[in-house]
Amino acid sequence: MTVHLKFRSMDLEAMTGAADVPNGATVEQAVNQYLAAQGAELSGENLRQSMILVNRMAVRADQVLQDGDEVMVLRSVEAG
């Protein structure tokens, strides 16, 4: 099945596209698969600390995806 991914953060802003994932894949699995194919990564902890939207509804990283879902990962900005 195909899901569409968008990332909104300083370091992953240019990462937007589609991924073919197996049926029953979770948000975390889809994100990891897509980013690995792009030569990037996002740790599980960073993903869980991000706001995740699927079809504009807030979900957790363990949300099971459906064909055609749109996943948006909004990473918080950290000040130092």
N, C-alpha and C. Protein backbone atom coordinates (compact mmCIF):
# COMPACT_ATOMS: atom_id res chain seq x y z
N MET A 1 0.85 -1.17 0.00
CA MET A 1 0.00 0.00 0.00
C MET A 1 0.89 1.23 0.00
N THR A 2 0.36 2.33 -0.47
CA THR A 2 1.13 3.56 -0.58
C THR A 2 0.63 4.57 0.45
N VAL A 3 1.58 5.18 1.17
CA VAL A 3 1.26 6.27 2.09
C VAL A 3 2.12 7.47 1.69
N HIS A 4 1.63 8.65 2.00
CA HIS A 4 2.31 9.89 1.65
C HIS A 4 2.85 10.51 2.94
N LEU A 5 4.11 10.93 2.91
CA LEU A 5 4.76 11.45 4.11
C LEU A 5 5.24 12.88 3.89
N LYS A 6 5.05 13.70 4.92
CA LYS A 6 5.55 15.08 4.92
C LYS A 6 6.20 15.32 6.27
N PHE A 7 7.34 15.99 6.24
CA PHE A 7 8.06 16.30 7.47
C PHE A 7 8.18 17.81 7.60
N ARG A 8 7.89 18.32 8.77
CA ARG A 8 7.99 19.75 9.03
C ARG A 8 8.95 19.94 10.20
N SER A 9 10.21 20.14 9.86
CA SER A 9 11.25 20.40 10.86
C SER A 9 12.45 20.98 10.13
N MET A 10 13.35 21.56 10.88
CA MET A 10 14.51 22.20 10.28
C MET A 10 15.36 21.23 9.47
N ASP A 11 15.62 20.05 10.00
CA ASP A 11 16.55 19.14 9.35
C ASP A 11 15.92 18.20 8.33
N LEU A 12 14.60 18.06 8.34
CA LEU A 12 13.95 17.12 7.41
C LEU A 12 12.96 17.82 6.48
N GLU A 13 13.03 19.14 6.39
CA GLU A 13 12.04 19.91 5.63
C GLU A 13 11.91 19.44 4.18
N ALA A 14 13.01 19.07 3.55
CA ALA A 14 12.97 18.69 2.14
C ALA A 14 12.45 17.27 1.93
N MET A 15 12.21 16.54 3.01
CA MET A 15 11.79 15.15 2.91
C MET A 15 10.27 15.07 2.80
N THR A 16 9.80 14.91 1.60
CA THR A 16 8.37 14.75 1.35
C THR A 16 8.23 13.78 0.19
N GLY A 17 7.37 12.79 0.36
CA GLY A 17 7.19 11.85 -0.73
C GLY A 17 6.27 10.71 -0.34
N ALA A 18 6.29 9.67 -1.14
CA ALA A 18 5.44 8.51 -0.92
C ALA A 18 6.30 7.29 -0.61
N ALA A 19 5.70 6.36 0.12
CA ALA A 19 6.39 5.11 0.44
C ALA A 19 5.42 3.95 0.25
N ASP A 20 5.93 2.87 -0.31
CA ASP A 20 5.16 1.63 -0.40
C ASP A 20 5.51 0.81 0.83
N VAL A 21 4.51 0.56 1.66
CA VAL A 21 4.72 -0.18 2.91
C VAL A 21 3.77 -1.37 2.94
N PRO A 22 4.10 -2.39 3.73
CA PRO A 22 3.21 -3.56 3.80
C PRO A 22 1.90 -3.23 4.51
N ASN A 23 0.86 -3.97 4.19
CA ASN A 23 -0.41 -3.82 4.91
C ASN A 23 -0.16 -4.02 6.39
N GLY A 24 -0.80 -3.21 7.22
CA GLY A 24 -0.63 -3.30 8.66
C GLY A 24 0.54 -2.52 9.20
N ALA A 25 1.25 -1.79 8.34
CA ALA A 25 2.40 -0.99 8.79
C ALA A 25 1.93 0.15 9.69
N THR A 26 2.77 0.47 10.67
CA THR A 26 2.48 1.59 11.57
C THR A 26 3.14 2.85 11.05
N VAL A 27 2.77 3.98 11.65
CA VAL A 27 3.41 5.25 11.31
C VAL A 27 4.92 5.12 11.48
N GLU A 28 5.36 4.59 12.62
CA GLU A 28 6.79 4.48 12.90
C GLU A 28 7.50 3.64 11.84
N GLN A 29 6.91 2.53 11.44
CA GLN A 29 7.51 1.69 10.41
C GLN A 29 7.60 2.42 9.07
N ALA A 30 6.54 3.11 8.70
CA ALA A 30 6.52 3.83 7.43
C ALA A 30 7.55 4.96 7.42
N VAL A 31 7.62 5.71 8.52
CA VAL A 31 8.59 6.80 8.62
C VAL A 31 10.01 6.25 8.53
N ASN A 32 10.31 5.21 9.29
CA ASN A 32 11.65 4.64 9.27
C ASN A 32 12.02 4.10 7.90
N GLN A 33 11.09 3.42 7.23
CA GLN A 33 11.36 2.88 5.90
C GLN A 33 11.63 4.00 4.91
N TYR A 34 10.79 5.03 4.92
CA TYR A 34 10.95 6.15 3.99
C TYR A 34 12.27 6.87 4.22
N LEU A 35 12.56 7.21 5.48
CA LEU A 35 13.78 7.95 5.77
C LEU A 35 15.03 7.14 5.46
N ALA A 36 15.01 5.84 5.73
CA ALA A 36 16.16 4.98 5.42
C ALA A 36 16.43 4.99 3.92
N ALA A 37 15.39 4.98 3.11
CA ALA A 37 15.55 5.02 1.66
C ALA A 37 16.13 6.35 1.20
N GLN A 38 15.95 7.40 2.00
CA GLN A 38 16.46 8.73 1.68
C GLN A 38 17.84 8.98 2.31
N GLY A 39 18.34 8.00 3.06
CA GLY A 39 19.63 8.16 3.72
C GLY A 39 19.56 9.01 4.97
N ALA A 40 18.39 9.06 5.59
CA ALA A 40 18.20 9.86 6.81
C ALA A 40 17.60 8.96 7.88
N GLU A 41 17.50 9.49 9.09
CA GLU A 41 16.86 8.72 10.16
C GLU A 41 16.25 9.67 11.18
N LEU A 42 15.33 9.13 11.93
CA LEU A 42 14.68 9.84 13.03
C LEU A 42 14.50 8.81 14.12
N SER A 43 15.15 9.01 15.25
CA SER A 43 15.09 8.00 16.31
C SER A 43 13.66 7.82 16.79
N GLY A 44 13.38 6.64 17.32
CA GLY A 44 12.04 6.37 17.85
C GLY A 44 11.64 7.36 18.91
N GLU A 45 12.60 7.76 19.76
CA GLU A 45 12.30 8.73 20.81
C GLU A 45 11.93 10.08 20.21
N ASN A 46 12.68 10.53 19.20
CA ASN A 46 12.35 11.80 18.55
C ASN A 46 11.01 11.73 17.84
N LEU A 47 10.69 10.59 17.27
CA LEU A 47 9.39 10.44 16.61
C LEU A 47 8.27 10.52 17.64
N ARG A 48 8.43 9.84 18.76
CA ARG A 48 7.40 9.87 19.80
C ARG A 48 7.24 11.25 20.42
N GLN A 49 8.28 12.09 20.36
CA GLN A 49 8.19 13.44 20.89
C GLN A 49 7.65 14.42 19.86
N SER A 50 7.44 13.96 18.65
CA SER A 50 6.91 14.79 17.58
C SER A 50 5.39 14.71 17.57
N MET A 51 4.77 15.71 16.96
CA MET A 51 3.33 15.62 16.72
C MET A 51 3.16 14.89 15.40
N ILE A 52 2.33 13.86 15.41
CA ILE A 52 2.09 13.05 14.21
C ILE A 52 0.63 13.21 13.82
N LEU A 53 0.41 13.56 12.57
CA LEU A 53 -0.94 13.67 12.04
C LEU A 53 -1.11 12.66 10.91
N VAL A 54 -2.22 11.95 10.93
CA VAL A 54 -2.59 11.09 9.81
C VAL A 54 -3.93 11.60 9.32
N ASN A 55 -3.94 12.03 8.07
CA ASN A 55 -5.14 12.64 7.49
C ASN A 55 -5.67 13.76 8.38
N ARG A 56 -4.73 14.56 8.89
CA ARG A 56 -5.00 15.76 9.70
C ARG A 56 -5.56 15.47 11.09
N MET A 57 -5.43 14.24 11.55
CA MET A 57 -5.86 13.88 12.90
C MET A 57 -4.64 13.42 13.69
N ALA A 58 -4.49 13.91 14.93
CA ALA A 58 -3.35 13.55 15.77
C ALA A 58 -3.42 12.07 16.14
N VAL A 59 -2.28 11.38 15.99
CA VAL A 59 -2.18 9.95 16.31
C VAL A 59 -0.84 9.68 16.99
N ARG A 60 -0.68 8.46 17.47
CA ARG A 60 0.59 8.02 18.04
C ARG A 60 1.40 7.28 16.97
N ALA A 61 2.67 7.05 17.27
CA ALA A 61 3.57 6.39 16.32
C ALA A 61 3.17 4.96 16.02
N ASP A 62 2.38 4.34 16.91
CA ASP A 62 1.97 2.95 16.69
C ASP A 62 0.65 2.83 15.92
N GLN A 63 0.15 3.94 15.40
CA GLN A 63 -1.09 3.95 14.60
C GLN A 63 -0.88 3.12 13.33
N VAL A 64 -1.79 2.19 13.06
CA VAL A 64 -1.74 1.39 11.84
C VAL A 64 -2.28 2.24 10.69
N LEU A 65 -1.57 2.20 9.58
CA LEU A 65 -1.92 3.02 8.42
C LEU A 65 -2.79 2.25 7.43
N GLN A 66 -3.50 3.02 6.62
CA GLN A 66 -4.32 2.49 5.54
C GLN A 66 -3.78 3.02 4.21
N ASP A 67 -4.08 2.32 3.13
CA ASP A 67 -3.64 2.75 1.81
C ASP A 67 -4.11 4.17 1.53
N GLY A 68 -3.19 5.02 1.07
CA GLY A 68 -3.51 6.39 0.71
C GLY A 68 -3.43 7.39 1.85
N ASP A 69 -3.14 6.94 3.07
CA ASP A 69 -3.04 7.86 4.21
C ASP A 69 -1.96 8.90 3.97
N GLU A 70 -2.18 10.10 4.52
CA GLU A 70 -1.18 11.16 4.50
C GLU A 70 -0.65 11.34 5.91
N VAL A 71 0.64 11.14 6.07
CA VAL A 71 1.30 11.25 7.38
C VAL A 71 2.11 12.53 7.40
N MET A 72 1.91 13.35 8.43
CA MET A 72 2.72 14.54 8.62
C MET A 72 3.39 14.46 9.98
N VAL A 73 4.70 14.64 10.00
CA VAL A 73 5.47 14.61 11.25
C VAL A 73 5.95 16.03 11.52
N LEU A 74 5.50 16.59 12.64
CA LEU A 74 5.87 17.95 13.04
C LEU A 74 6.80 17.85 14.23
N ARG A 75 8.06 18.14 14.01
CA ARG A 75 9.04 18.07 15.10
C ARG A 75 9.11 19.41 15.80
N SER A 76 9.15 19.35 17.12
CA SER A 76 9.22 20.58 17.90
C SER A 76 10.60 21.21 17.77
N VAL A 77 10.63 22.51 17.92
CA VAL A 77 11.88 23.26 17.86
C VAL A 77 12.43 23.36 19.27
N GLU A 78 13.69 23.03 19.42
CA GLU A 78 14.33 23.11 20.73
C GLU A 78 15.24 24.32 20.77
N ALA A 79 15.10 25.10 21.81
CA ALA A 79 15.96 26.27 22.01
C ALA A 79 17.05 25.92 23.01
N GLY A 80 18.19 26.55 22.88
CA GLY A 80 19.28 26.21 23.77
C GLY A 80 19.93 27.35 24.41
